[in-house]
Amino acid sequence: MKSSLNITKESKMAKETFIFELKEAFNIIADEIKREYNAHIWLIEVLGKRYSYIAGCKDDSFLPPEFIYISEKFAVASSDWGKLPIEKKEELFSFLNKYVNKT
């Protein structure tokens, strides 16, 4: 029988593995979008009223970023949404929804 300490450790390791895989995948997508459309997007973890950067290409724009929520815990931010074709946005969010909701 597993102790609650072991279950907690396993849960923490699973979350860290998930975040690592999500970062890797998102960085590839963000680099592609930056190269093709000169648009910056970044993935954030929502921590109550605070946001924590996870991955992507942050922008040092004077414009505030617009946040699009994927789930209660994750969102994508950008000041450049207008540069992306609708099809690319749909592809991005379809992938992220599948990825985030598989856990």
Protein backbone atom coordinates (compact mmCIF):
# COMPACT_ATOMS: atom_id res chain seq x y z
CA MET A 1 0.00 0.00 0.00
CA LYS A 2 1.35 3.44 -0.94
CA SER A 3 1.72 6.06 1.71
CA SER A 4 0.23 9.51 1.21
CA LEU A 5 3.79 10.88 0.96
CA ASN A 6 4.56 8.60 -2.01
CA ILE A 7 1.28 9.52 -3.70
CA THR A 8 2.08 13.21 -3.24
CA LYS A 9 5.56 12.73 -4.73
CA GLU A 10 4.15 10.82 -7.70
CA SER A 11 1.53 13.51 -8.29
CA LYS A 12 4.17 16.24 -8.18
CA MET A 13 6.41 14.33 -10.60
CA ALA A 14 3.50 13.80 -13.01
CA LYS A 15 2.71 17.52 -12.96
CA GLU A 16 6.36 18.43 -13.57
CA THR A 17 6.55 15.98 -16.49
CA PHE A 18 3.33 17.39 -17.96
CA ILE A 19 4.60 21.00 -17.65
CA PHE A 20 7.94 20.04 -19.25
CA GLU A 21 6.23 18.35 -22.21
CA LEU A 22 3.82 21.27 -22.61
CA LYS A 23 6.73 23.76 -22.57
CA GLU A 24 8.63 21.81 -25.22
CA ALA A 25 5.63 21.59 -27.54
CA PHE A 26 4.57 25.20 -27.01
CA ASN A 27 8.06 26.61 -27.62
CA ILE A 28 8.15 24.89 -31.02
CA ILE A 29 4.75 26.36 -31.93
CA ALA A 30 5.63 29.84 -30.62
CA ASP A 31 8.91 29.89 -32.59
CA GLU A 32 7.08 28.87 -35.76
CA ILE A 33 4.46 31.60 -35.27
CA LYS A 34 7.13 34.21 -34.55
CA ARG A 35 9.06 33.22 -37.70
CA GLU A 36 6.03 33.01 -40.02
CA TYR A 37 3.86 35.87 -38.74
CA ASN A 38 6.19 38.04 -36.63
CA ALA A 39 3.78 37.49 -33.76
CA HIS A 40 4.71 36.78 -30.16
CA ILE A 41 2.67 34.34 -28.08
CA TRP A 42 3.40 32.91 -24.68
CA LEU A 43 1.81 30.32 -22.45
CA ILE A 44 0.98 31.19 -18.87
CA GLU A 45 -0.20 29.28 -15.84
CA VAL A 46 -3.05 31.00 -14.03
CA LEU A 47 -2.45 31.12 -10.28
CA GLY A 48 -5.52 32.88 -8.91
CA LYS A 49 -5.10 36.55 -9.79
CA ARG A 50 -1.46 36.05 -10.80
CA TYR A 51 0.03 34.73 -14.03
CA SER A 52 3.21 32.71 -14.31
CA TYR A 53 5.15 32.53 -17.61
CA ILE A 54 5.69 28.95 -18.78
CA ALA A 55 6.89 29.07 -22.38
CA GLY A 56 6.85 30.91 -25.68
CA CYS A 57 8.08 34.19 -27.12
CA LYS A 58 7.28 37.08 -24.79
CA ASP A 59 6.86 40.53 -26.27
CA ASP A 60 8.11 43.76 -24.74
CA SER A 61 5.28 45.75 -26.30
CA PHE A 62 3.74 48.84 -24.79
CA LEU A 63 0.36 47.33 -25.53
CA PRO A 64 -1.10 45.08 -22.84
CA PRO A 65 -1.41 41.46 -23.92
CA GLU A 66 -4.77 39.84 -24.52
CA PHE A 67 -5.27 36.57 -22.63
CA ILE A 68 -7.18 33.67 -24.15
CA TYR A 69 -7.96 30.99 -21.59
CA ILE A 70 -7.51 27.32 -22.47
CA SER A 71 -8.63 26.09 -19.06
CA GLU A 72 -8.86 27.38 -15.51
CA LYS A 73 -5.12 26.79 -15.15
CA PHE A 74 -3.70 27.84 -18.53
CA ALA A 75 -3.96 30.74 -20.96
CA VAL A 76 -2.11 32.07 -23.98
CA ALA A 77 -1.12 35.74 -24.09
CA SER A 78 -0.26 37.99 -27.01
CA SER A 79 -0.43 41.58 -28.23
CA ASP A 80 -0.26 40.24 -31.79
CA TRP A 81 -3.46 38.21 -32.19
CA GLY A 82 -4.41 40.34 -35.20
CA LYS A 83 -1.35 39.12 -37.11
CA LEU A 84 -2.45 35.49 -37.00
CA PRO A 85 -4.89 34.06 -39.53
CA ILE A 86 -8.03 32.56 -37.99
CA GLU A 87 -7.01 29.10 -39.22
CA LYS A 88 -3.70 29.31 -37.35
CA LYS A 89 -5.45 30.39 -34.14
CA GLU A 90 -7.93 27.52 -34.47
CA GLU A 91 -5.08 25.06 -35.04
CA LEU A 92 -3.18 26.42 -32.02
CA PHE A 93 -6.14 26.23 -29.65
CA SER A 94 -7.30 22.87 -30.93
CA PHE A 95 -3.85 21.43 -30.16
CA LEU A 96 -3.62 23.12 -26.76
CA ASN A 97 -7.12 22.04 -25.72
CA LYS A 98 -6.33 18.42 -26.55
CA TYR A 99 -2.98 18.61 -24.78
CA VAL A 100 -4.24 20.33 -21.62
CA ASN A 101 -7.39 18.21 -21.35
CA LYS A 102 -5.62 14.86 -21.75
CA THR A 103 -4.43 14.99 -18.13
